């Protein structure tokens, strides 16, 4: 697995509470939940990008 890089994330306190709650429901850490959500967003973006390329052809 690739080495992970740490960085500071500024986030709205209400949003953080929601993410913490969601993470607990899915048995993940808060950091793990944020990473999971970001990965899902990136996959969705790639899928949307490939659909657009097919439509343009």
N, C-alpha and C. Protein backbone atom coordinates (compact mmCIF):
# COMPACT_ATOMS: atom_id res chain seq x y z
N UNK A 1 0.85 -1.18 0.00
CA UNK A 1 0.00 0.00 0.00
C UNK A 1 0.89 1.24 0.00
N UNK A 2 0.45 2.25 -0.70
CA UNK A 2 1.21 3.50 -0.77
C UNK A 2 1.24 4.18 0.59
N UNK A 3 2.33 4.88 0.83
CA UNK A 3 2.46 5.63 2.08
C UNK A 3 1.42 6.75 2.10
N UNK A 4 0.83 6.98 3.25
CA UNK A 4 -0.17 8.04 3.39
C UNK A 4 0.50 9.32 3.86
N UNK A 5 -0.03 10.43 3.38
CA UNK A 5 0.50 11.74 3.75
C UNK A 5 -0.50 12.44 4.65
N UNK A 6 -0.03 12.96 5.76
CA UNK A 6 -0.89 13.67 6.70
C UNK A 6 -1.04 15.14 6.28
N UNK A 7 -2.23 15.69 6.50
CA UNK A 7 -2.45 17.11 6.27
C UNK A 7 -3.60 17.59 7.15
N UNK A 8 -3.65 18.89 7.35
CA UNK A 8 -4.69 19.49 8.20
C UNK A 8 -5.93 19.73 7.36
N UNK A 9 -7.08 19.38 7.91
CA UNK A 9 -8.35 19.62 7.25
C UNK A 9 -9.22 20.50 8.13
N UNK A 10 -9.59 21.64 7.63
CA UNK A 10 -10.51 22.51 8.36
C UNK A 10 -11.92 22.15 7.92
N UNK A 11 -12.78 21.88 8.89
CA UNK A 11 -14.13 21.41 8.57
C UNK A 11 -15.14 22.02 9.55
N UNK A 12 -16.31 22.28 9.05
CA UNK A 12 -17.39 22.83 9.85
C UNK A 12 -17.70 21.84 10.99
N UNK A 13 -17.81 22.33 12.23
CA UNK A 13 -18.07 21.43 13.37
C UNK A 13 -19.33 20.58 13.22
N UNK A 14 -20.38 21.15 12.65
CA UNK A 14 -21.61 20.37 12.46
C UNK A 14 -21.40 19.25 11.45
N UNK A 15 -20.66 19.54 10.39
CA UNK A 15 -20.35 18.52 9.40
C UNK A 15 -19.50 17.42 10.02
N UNK A 16 -18.55 17.79 10.85
CA UNK A 16 -17.69 16.81 11.49
C UNK A 16 -18.51 15.89 12.40
N UNK A 17 -19.46 16.44 13.13
CA UNK A 17 -20.32 15.60 13.99
C UNK A 17 -21.08 14.58 13.16
N UNK A 18 -21.60 15.02 12.02
CA UNK A 18 -22.34 14.10 11.14
C UNK A 18 -21.43 13.00 10.60
N UNK A 19 -20.22 13.36 10.21
CA UNK A 19 -19.27 12.37 9.69
C UNK A 19 -18.86 11.40 10.79
N UNK A 20 -18.64 11.90 12.00
CA UNK A 20 -18.29 11.03 13.12
C UNK A 20 -19.41 10.02 13.40
N UNK A 21 -20.64 10.50 13.36
CA UNK A 21 -21.78 9.63 13.60
C UNK A 21 -21.91 8.58 12.50
N UNK A 22 -21.76 9.01 11.27
CA UNK A 22 -21.83 8.11 10.12
C UNK A 22 -20.72 7.06 10.20
N UNK A 23 -19.52 7.50 10.55
CA UNK A 23 -18.39 6.59 10.67
C UNK A 23 -18.67 5.52 11.73
N UNK A 24 -19.22 5.93 12.86
CA UNK A 24 -19.53 4.98 13.93
C UNK A 24 -20.55 3.94 13.46
N UNK A 25 -21.54 4.37 12.69
CA UNK A 25 -22.55 3.46 12.16
C UNK A 25 -21.94 2.41 11.24
N UNK A 26 -20.89 2.80 10.53
CA UNK A 26 -20.26 1.90 9.56
C UNK A 26 -18.97 1.27 10.10
N UNK A 27 -18.76 1.40 11.41
CA UNK A 27 -17.59 0.82 12.09
C UNK A 27 -16.27 1.27 11.48
N UNK A 28 -16.19 2.57 11.17
CA UNK A 28 -14.96 3.15 10.66
C UNK A 28 -14.52 4.25 11.60
N UNK A 29 -13.24 4.61 11.52
CA UNK A 29 -12.77 5.80 12.21
C UNK A 29 -13.26 7.01 11.43
N UNK A 30 -13.21 8.16 12.05
CA UNK A 30 -13.60 9.39 11.35
C UNK A 30 -12.69 9.60 10.15
N UNK A 31 -11.39 9.41 10.34
CA UNK A 31 -10.45 9.56 9.24
C UNK A 31 -10.75 8.55 8.13
N UNK A 32 -11.04 7.32 8.52
CA UNK A 32 -11.38 6.29 7.54
C UNK A 32 -12.64 6.62 6.77
N UNK A 33 -13.61 7.21 7.44
CA UNK A 33 -14.86 7.59 6.77
C UNK A 33 -14.61 8.70 5.76
N UNK A 34 -13.83 9.69 6.14
CA UNK A 34 -13.52 10.79 5.23
C UNK A 34 -12.77 10.26 4.01
N UNK A 35 -11.80 9.37 4.25
CA UNK A 35 -11.04 8.78 3.15
C UNK A 35 -11.97 7.96 2.24
N UNK A 36 -12.88 7.20 2.82
CA UNK A 36 -13.84 6.41 2.05
C UNK A 36 -14.72 7.31 1.18
N UNK A 37 -15.24 8.38 1.77
CA UNK A 37 -16.10 9.30 1.02
C UNK A 37 -15.35 9.97 -0.13
N UNK A 38 -14.11 10.33 0.12
CA UNK A 38 -13.31 10.94 -0.93
C UNK A 38 -13.04 9.95 -2.06
N UNK A 39 -12.76 8.70 -1.70
CA UNK A 39 -12.52 7.67 -2.72
C UNK A 39 -13.77 7.45 -3.57
N UNK A 40 -14.94 7.40 -2.93
CA UNK A 40 -16.19 7.24 -3.66
C UNK A 40 -16.44 8.41 -4.62
N UNK A 41 -16.15 9.61 -4.16
CA UNK A 41 -16.32 10.79 -5.01
C UNK A 41 -15.38 10.74 -6.21
N UNK A 42 -14.15 10.31 -5.99
CA UNK A 42 -13.19 10.20 -7.10
C UNK A 42 -13.62 9.14 -8.11
N UNK A 43 -14.12 8.01 -7.63
CA UNK A 43 -14.61 6.97 -8.54
C UNK A 43 -15.81 7.46 -9.35
N UNK A 44 -16.73 8.16 -8.70
CA UNK A 44 -17.90 8.71 -9.40
C UNK A 44 -17.47 9.73 -10.45
N UNK A 45 -16.47 10.52 -10.11
CA UNK A 45 -15.97 11.52 -11.06
C UNK A 45 -15.36 10.84 -12.28
N UNK A 46 -14.59 9.78 -12.06
CA UNK A 46 -13.99 9.05 -13.17
C UNK A 46 -15.05 8.41 -14.05
N UNK A 47 -16.09 7.84 -13.43
CA UNK A 47 -17.17 7.23 -14.20
C UNK A 47 -17.89 8.28 -15.02
N UNK A 48 -18.15 9.44 -14.43
CA UNK A 48 -18.81 10.53 -15.15
C UNK A 48 -17.96 11.04 -16.29
N UNK A 49 -16.67 11.07 -16.09
CA UNK A 49 -15.75 11.53 -17.11
C UNK A 49 -15.71 10.57 -18.29
N UNK A 50 -15.72 9.26 -18.01
CA UNK A 50 -15.68 8.28 -19.10
C UNK A 50 -17.00 8.27 -19.88
N UNK A 51 -18.13 8.50 -19.19
CA UNK A 51 -19.42 8.59 -19.89
C UNK A 51 -19.43 9.78 -20.83
N UNK A 52 -18.90 10.91 -20.38
CA UNK A 52 -18.88 12.12 -21.20
C UNK A 52 -18.02 11.90 -22.44
N UNK A 53 -16.88 11.23 -22.28
CA UNK A 53 -16.00 10.96 -23.42
C UNK A 53 -16.71 10.09 -24.43
N UNK A 54 -17.48 9.08 -23.99
CA UNK A 54 -18.20 8.20 -24.90
C UNK A 54 -19.29 8.98 -25.65
N UNK A 55 -19.96 9.90 -24.95
CA UNK A 55 -21.01 10.71 -25.57
C UNK A 55 -20.43 11.65 -26.62
N UNK A 56 -19.22 12.13 -26.40
CA UNK A 56 -18.59 13.06 -27.31
C UNK A 56 -18.12 12.39 -28.60
N UNK A 57 -17.95 11.07 -28.56
CA UNK A 57 -17.44 10.35 -29.73
C UNK A 57 -18.48 10.13 -30.78
